[in-house]
Protein backbone atom coordinates (compact mmCIF):
# COMPACT_ATOMS: atom_id res chain seq x y z
CA MET A 1 27.25 -125.44 -6.63
CA ASN A 2 23.81 -124.49 -5.25
CA HIS A 3 21.00 -124.14 -7.71
CA SER A 4 17.26 -124.26 -7.27
CA ASN A 5 14.02 -124.22 -9.31
CA GLY A 6 11.77 -122.99 -6.45
CA SER A 7 9.26 -120.18 -6.31
CA HIS A 8 10.08 -116.76 -7.59
CA ARG A 9 8.71 -113.25 -8.27
CA PRO A 10 8.65 -112.82 -12.07
CA GLY A 11 7.42 -109.21 -11.85
CA SER A 12 10.48 -108.02 -9.99
CA LEU A 13 12.77 -109.92 -12.35
CA ARG A 14 11.20 -108.29 -15.39
CA ARG A 15 11.45 -104.85 -13.93
CA ALA A 16 15.06 -105.39 -12.99
CA ALA A 17 15.92 -106.81 -16.39
CA ALA A 18 14.31 -103.80 -18.09
CA LEU A 19 16.34 -101.35 -15.99
CA LEU A 20 19.53 -103.32 -16.66
CA ALA A 21 19.00 -103.05 -20.39
CA SER A 22 19.67 -99.33 -20.20
CA ALA A 23 22.05 -99.38 -17.22
CA VAL A 24 24.50 -101.81 -18.78
CA VAL A 25 24.58 -99.91 -22.07
CA ALA A 26 25.16 -96.72 -20.12
CA GLY A 27 28.16 -98.26 -18.38
CA SER A 28 26.67 -98.50 -14.94
CA PHE A 29 28.13 -101.92 -14.31
CA PHE A 30 31.85 -102.68 -14.21
CA ALA A 31 34.01 -105.57 -13.10
CA PRO A 32 36.19 -104.70 -10.09
CA ALA A 33 39.79 -103.86 -11.02
CA ALA A 34 41.21 -106.06 -8.26
CA ALA A 35 39.93 -108.50 -5.67
CA ILE A 36 38.90 -107.00 -2.37
CA ALA A 37 38.02 -108.50 0.95
CA ALA A 38 34.57 -110.00 1.00
CA GLU A 39 31.85 -108.16 2.83
CA PRO A 40 30.39 -109.95 5.85
CA GLY A 41 27.30 -112.03 5.00
CA THR A 42 28.13 -112.26 1.31
CA GLY A 43 29.28 -114.92 -1.09
CA ARG A 44 30.47 -115.13 -4.72
CA ILE A 45 29.02 -116.44 -7.99
CA LEU A 46 31.55 -117.89 -10.42
CA GLY A 47 31.20 -119.28 -13.94
CA ARG A 48 32.02 -118.87 -17.57
CA LEU A 49 30.42 -116.94 -20.45
CA ALA A 50 30.89 -119.07 -23.53
CA SER A 51 29.16 -120.24 -26.73
CA ASN A 52 27.74 -123.72 -27.26
CA ARG A 53 30.95 -124.48 -29.11
CA GLY A 54 33.02 -123.62 -26.05
CA GLU A 55 34.39 -120.33 -27.32
CA PRO A 56 34.63 -117.45 -24.80
CA VAL A 57 32.04 -114.65 -25.34
CA ALA A 58 32.48 -111.02 -24.30
CA GLY A 59 29.68 -109.59 -22.18
CA ASP A 60 28.19 -108.97 -18.78
CA ILE A 61 26.72 -111.29 -16.21
CA VAL A 62 24.07 -109.99 -13.84
CA ALA A 63 22.67 -111.69 -10.72
CA ILE A 64 19.21 -110.36 -9.67
CA ASP A 65 17.89 -110.86 -6.21
CA GLU A 66 14.49 -112.40 -6.71
CA THR A 67 13.06 -110.67 -3.60
CA THR A 68 14.40 -107.15 -3.87
CA GLY A 69 15.20 -106.87 -7.60
CA ARG A 70 18.65 -105.55 -6.71
CA ALA A 71 21.37 -106.46 -9.24
CA TYR A 72 25.04 -107.39 -8.87
CA SER A 73 27.24 -107.78 -11.94
CA ALA A 74 30.60 -108.55 -13.48
CA THR A 75 32.15 -108.45 -16.91
CA ALA A 76 33.60 -111.66 -18.43
CA ARG A 77 37.42 -111.91 -18.76
CA SER A 78 39.09 -112.74 -22.09
CA ASP A 79 38.78 -116.46 -21.30
CA GLY A 80 35.07 -116.05 -20.58
CA GLY A 81 35.45 -116.55 -16.82
CA TYR A 82 33.74 -114.24 -14.35
CA ALA A 83 33.22 -113.72 -10.65
CA ILE A 84 30.49 -111.64 -9.05
CA SER A 85 31.73 -110.75 -5.58
CA ASP A 86 30.08 -109.46 -2.40
CA VAL A 87 26.67 -110.95 -3.26
CA PRO A 88 24.43 -110.97 -0.16
CA ALA A 89 23.14 -114.37 0.83
CA GLY A 90 19.89 -115.20 -0.97
CA ARG A 91 18.25 -116.52 -4.12
CA TYR A 92 19.21 -115.11 -7.53
CA ALA A 93 18.35 -115.32 -11.17
CA VAL A 94 21.41 -114.87 -13.36
CA LEU A 95 21.22 -113.12 -16.68
CA PHE A 96 23.92 -113.54 -19.40
CA ARG A 97 24.18 -110.44 -21.57
CA PRO A 98 26.64 -111.02 -24.48
CA SER A 99 28.15 -108.00 -26.17
CA ASP A 100 26.60 -106.93 -29.48
CA ILE A 101 29.61 -108.10 -31.57
CA ALA A 102 29.44 -109.83 -34.91
CA LEU A 103 31.73 -112.90 -35.20
CA PRO A 104 32.42 -115.35 -38.06
CA ASP A 105 30.52 -118.05 -36.16
CA ALA A 106 27.76 -115.62 -35.01
CA PRO A 107 27.21 -112.89 -37.65
CA PHE A 108 24.41 -111.35 -35.55
CA GLY A 109 26.02 -112.03 -32.17
CA TYR A 110 24.66 -114.29 -29.46
CA ALA A 111 21.25 -114.33 -27.87
CA GLU A 112 20.77 -113.29 -24.25
CA ALA A 113 19.94 -116.10 -21.84
CA TRP A 114 19.14 -116.69 -18.20
CA PHE A 115 20.87 -119.51 -16.31
CA PRO A 116 20.71 -122.38 -17.22
CA ASN A 117 20.40 -121.09 -20.83
CA VAL A 118 16.68 -120.30 -20.98
CA ARG A 119 15.16 -117.17 -22.62
CA ARG A 120 12.84 -115.99 -19.82
CA GLY A 121 13.59 -115.02 -16.29
CA ASP A 122 10.43 -116.83 -15.19
CA ASP A 123 12.05 -120.13 -16.32
CA ALA A 124 15.48 -119.46 -14.81
CA ALA A 125 16.88 -121.84 -12.18
CA ARG A 126 17.53 -119.99 -8.97
CA VAL A 127 21.11 -119.72 -7.76
CA ILE A 128 21.51 -119.97 -4.00
CA VAL A 129 24.21 -117.82 -2.47
CA ASP A 130 25.40 -118.63 1.07
CA ALA A 131 27.54 -116.33 3.21
CA GLY A 132 31.24 -117.05 2.86
CA VAL A 133 30.66 -119.64 0.10
CA GLU A 134 31.53 -119.64 -3.63
CA THR A 135 28.65 -120.74 -5.84
CA VAL A 136 30.36 -122.22 -8.88
CA ASP A 137 29.54 -123.57 -12.33
CA VAL A 138 26.98 -120.86 -13.13
CA ASP A 139 27.91 -121.21 -16.79
CA ALA A 140 26.45 -119.86 -20.00
CA VAL A 141 26.21 -121.96 -23.18
CA LEU A 142 25.07 -119.29 -25.60
CA THR A 143 23.69 -119.94 -29.06
CA ALA A 144 24.23 -117.77 -32.15
CA ALA A 145 21.32 -115.44 -32.72
CA GLY A 146 19.44 -114.77 -35.92
CA ARG A 147 18.09 -111.50 -37.23
CA VAL A 148 14.62 -110.35 -38.31
CA THR A 149 14.30 -107.19 -40.40
CA GLY A 150 11.41 -105.39 -42.04
CA VAL A 151 9.55 -102.20 -42.80
CA ILE A 152 6.45 -100.67 -41.12
CA SER A 153 4.49 -98.17 -43.14
CA GLY A 154 1.04 -96.57 -43.27
CA ALA A 155 -0.45 -94.40 -40.62
CA VAL A 156 1.74 -91.76 -38.93
CA GLY A 157 2.72 -92.55 -35.36
CA GLU A 158 5.42 -94.00 -33.11
CA TYR A 159 5.73 -97.74 -33.52
CA ALA A 160 7.67 -100.66 -32.07
CA VAL A 161 7.91 -104.27 -33.25
CA ALA A 162 7.90 -107.29 -31.03
CA LEU A 163 8.56 -110.98 -31.79
CA LEU A 164 6.25 -113.06 -29.58
CA ASP A 165 6.19 -116.75 -28.75
CA GLU A 166 3.96 -116.20 -25.70
CA PRO A 167 0.75 -114.31 -24.82
CA THR A 168 0.85 -110.57 -25.51
CA PRO A 169 2.77 -108.80 -22.75
CA VAL A 170 1.19 -105.90 -20.92
CA ASP A 171 4.34 -103.77 -21.51
CA PRO A 172 6.65 -105.04 -24.34
CA PHE A 173 9.60 -103.08 -22.85
CA ASP A 174 9.20 -104.59 -19.35
CA GLY A 175 11.68 -107.47 -19.42
CA ASP A 176 12.14 -110.46 -21.65
CA THR A 177 10.11 -109.47 -24.79
CA LEU A 178 12.08 -109.23 -27.99
CA VAL A 179 11.14 -105.69 -29.06
CA VAL A 180 12.63 -102.66 -30.82
CA GLU A 181 11.34 -99.26 -31.93
CA ILE A 182 11.31 -98.58 -35.68
CA ASP A 183 13.67 -95.97 -37.07
CA ARG A 184 12.71 -92.81 -38.98
CA ALA A 185 12.55 -94.73 -42.25
CA GLY A 186 10.13 -97.22 -40.74
CA ARG A 187 12.72 -100.02 -40.63
CA PHE A 188 13.53 -102.35 -37.80
CA ALA A 189 16.11 -105.05 -37.01
CA LEU A 190 15.76 -107.50 -34.13
CA ARG A 191 18.34 -110.00 -32.88
CA ALA A 192 16.64 -113.08 -31.53
CA PRO A 193 17.22 -116.74 -30.63
CA ALA A 194 16.20 -119.37 -33.19
CA GLY A 195 12.49 -120.17 -33.02
CA GLY A 196 9.01 -119.46 -34.32
CA TYR A 197 7.41 -116.06 -33.64
CA GLU A 198 4.42 -113.87 -34.32
CA LEU A 199 5.23 -110.27 -35.25
CA LEU A 200 3.17 -107.71 -33.41
CA VAL A 201 3.31 -103.96 -34.03
CA TYR A 202 2.82 -101.69 -30.98
CA ARG A 203 1.81 -98.01 -31.14
CA ARG A 204 2.79 -95.44 -28.54
CA PHE A 205 -0.15 -93.70 -26.95
CA GLY A 206 0.90 -91.19 -24.28
CA HIS A 207 3.37 -93.03 -22.05
CA ASP A 208 2.09 -96.50 -23.01
CA TRP A 209 2.82 -98.92 -25.79
CA LEU A 210 -0.41 -100.67 -26.96
CA PRO A 211 -0.87 -103.63 -29.35
CA TYR A 212 -1.85 -102.23 -32.72
CA ALA A 213 -1.40 -104.62 -35.65
CA LEU A 214 -0.53 -108.31 -35.97
CA SER A 215 1.40 -109.45 -39.03
CA GLU A 216 -0.28 -112.32 -40.92
CA GLU A 217 3.18 -113.78 -41.55
CA ARG A 218 4.69 -116.15 -38.98
CA VAL A 219 8.43 -115.74 -38.59
CA GLU A 220 10.58 -118.95 -38.55
CA LEU A 221 14.07 -117.89 -37.58
CA PRO A 222 17.09 -120.26 -37.71
CA SER A 223 20.24 -119.76 -35.71
CA ARG A 224 22.52 -117.37 -37.68
CA GLY A 225 19.62 -116.81 -40.13
CA ASP A 226 18.71 -113.42 -41.62
CA VAL A 227 14.95 -113.15 -42.28
CA GLU A 228 13.27 -110.12 -43.87
CA VAL A 229 9.51 -110.12 -43.34
CA THR A 230 6.87 -108.83 -45.72
CA PRO A 231 6.33 -105.08 -45.19
CA VAL A 232 3.57 -104.36 -42.66
CA VAL A 233 1.13 -101.59 -43.50
CA VAL A 234 -0.61 -100.26 -40.38
CA PRO A 235 -4.07 -98.79 -40.84
CA MET A 236 -5.15 -95.36 -39.65
CA ALA A 237 -6.45 -95.22 -36.14
CA GLY A 238 -10.10 -94.77 -35.16
CA ALA A 239 -11.82 -93.57 -32.01
CA VAL A 240 -14.78 -94.33 -29.71
CA GLU A 241 -16.89 -91.69 -28.04
CA LEU A 242 -19.42 -92.74 -25.37
CA HIS A 243 -22.20 -90.67 -23.84
CA LEU A 244 -23.51 -92.42 -20.76
CA CYS A 245 -26.48 -91.78 -18.56
CA ALA A 246 -28.20 -93.46 -15.60
CA ASP A 247 -31.64 -95.11 -15.71
CA ASP A 248 -33.25 -91.81 -14.63
CA GLY A 249 -31.67 -89.97 -17.62
CA ALA A 250 -29.11 -88.06 -15.56
CA PHE A 251 -25.59 -87.78 -16.94
CA ALA A 252 -23.25 -90.50 -15.62
CA ALA A 253 -20.38 -88.33 -14.50
CA GLU A 254 -17.10 -89.91 -13.39
CA ALA A 255 -18.11 -93.40 -14.48
CA ASP A 256 -15.18 -95.76 -14.89
CA VAL A 257 -15.16 -96.97 -18.51
CA THR A 258 -12.88 -99.72 -19.86
CA LEU A 259 -12.17 -100.87 -23.41
CA ALA A 260 -10.76 -104.29 -24.34
CA ARG A 261 -10.27 -106.07 -27.65
CA GLN A 262 -13.05 -108.59 -28.20
CA GLY A 263 -11.79 -112.03 -27.14
CA CYS A 264 -8.95 -110.52 -25.07
CA LEU A 265 -9.04 -110.26 -21.29
CA ARG A 266 -6.48 -107.43 -21.11
CA VAL A 267 -7.95 -103.91 -20.66
CA GLU A 268 -6.55 -101.77 -23.45
CA ARG A 269 -7.89 -98.38 -22.31
CA ASP A 270 -9.68 -96.94 -19.28
CA GLY A 271 -11.01 -93.53 -18.46
CA LEU A 272 -13.64 -91.53 -16.53
CA THR A 273 -16.61 -89.80 -18.04
CA ASP A 274 -16.81 -86.02 -17.70
CA GLN A 275 -19.64 -84.06 -16.06
CA ALA A 276 -21.73 -84.53 -19.22
CA GLY A 277 -21.25 -88.36 -19.11
CA ARG A 278 -18.90 -88.36 -22.11
CA VAL A 279 -15.57 -90.14 -22.60
CA LEU A 280 -13.46 -90.30 -25.74
CA PHE A 281 -10.85 -92.98 -26.59
CA GLU A 282 -8.57 -92.06 -29.55
CA GLY A 283 -5.72 -93.78 -31.37
CA LEU A 284 -7.43 -97.16 -31.49
CA ALA A 285 -6.49 -99.83 -34.01
CA PRO A 286 -9.46 -100.86 -36.14
CA GLY A 287 -11.40 -103.83 -34.75
CA ARG A 288 -14.09 -104.81 -32.29
CA TYR A 289 -13.95 -103.71 -28.66
CA VAL A 290 -15.92 -104.60 -25.60
CA VAL A 291 -16.97 -101.66 -23.47
CA ALA A 292 -17.69 -102.04 -19.72
CA VAL A 293 -18.67 -99.51 -17.10
CA ASP A 294 -17.70 -99.75 -13.43
CA GLY A 295 -16.61 -103.32 -13.88
CA VAL A 296 -17.87 -106.17 -16.09
CA ALA A 297 -19.84 -107.68 -13.23
CA ARG A 298 -22.13 -104.63 -12.96
CA THR A 299 -22.63 -103.81 -16.61
CA PRO A 300 -23.89 -105.71 -19.68
CA SER A 301 -21.12 -105.76 -22.21
CA LEU A 302 -21.36 -103.51 -25.28
CA VAL A 303 -19.32 -104.29 -28.41
CA VAL A 304 -18.21 -101.36 -30.58
CA THR A 305 -16.62 -101.58 -34.03
CA VAL A 306 -13.78 -99.14 -34.67
CA GLU A 307 -13.03 -98.20 -38.27
CA PRO A 308 -9.98 -96.40 -39.66
CA ASP A 309 -10.12 -92.58 -39.45
CA ARG A 310 -13.65 -92.65 -37.98
CA VAL A 311 -15.27 -92.02 -34.59
CA ALA A 312 -17.68 -94.70 -33.37
CA ARG A 313 -20.25 -92.83 -31.29
CA VAL A 314 -22.51 -94.52 -28.73
CA ALA A 315 -25.02 -92.14 -27.18
CA ASP A 316 -27.20 -92.29 -24.09
CA ARG A 317 -26.17 -95.76 -23.04
CA PRO A 318 -27.96 -96.32 -19.69
CA ILE A 319 -26.08 -97.65 -16.67
CA PRO A 320 -28.04 -100.10 -14.50
CA ALA A 321 -28.57 -98.93 -10.96
């Protein structure tokens, strides 16, 4: 075997994992029907997809090159064994993707895991593949998942629900975040490993998913447990309109304006003022926001309170020269 815990590129792993989520479902990855001659400069990754009780588990195994993000995959055999062939020499993170099948011992299936059985790609041990060598014992020991269900109601919009045990991700659909869109009835169901989570509601704005409402209820999910959370009522969105000018009173056209939740470093919105020095941010969750112009270092911060179904207007805010 050849495993390592060295440096890695988490961004490329997250992007690759996000692409795999749709590609595997669409059937883009298949195990070879028969063994073929190895390509020059490649090796093989071998192991077993099994539960923590030793039972074989159906599913896919994907090795992701930590440098390029390219993926190589196989499907587990009936005994749980697998072999990923023709893998170029390099360093890989291996993702175990069990099939979404309910079993007596796992009524909500098994939770995904990265080798050696951790939830995040950032924490995965790297598997070293050498040319002409079989890297063995890359085994999964999967635990039975639990399920979290609930209802989102209130303001009209497109929403998704995420279970978080880490800082808020920039994009909840970019990798390891446990997230799902709600259905037309406002319901959601999320399969997840046992653990403690915060429940965060995201709202779609354009092409982006933005944090919108945090449930006051902390979710404690046991393995094989079925937890229904208290219904979450999301408030109506508000807006902020800014009218900016320079010290001489001239309109501040094409000024770069950013908006961030107070106490949060992540920029939630950004935009440019028009020729009249105006910029409008809509679809904001109620709360307090810090406004900055052309970078925090150049501009004194301005805090704006957003209320449901209202537009907070800030007029003639001068920009220091």
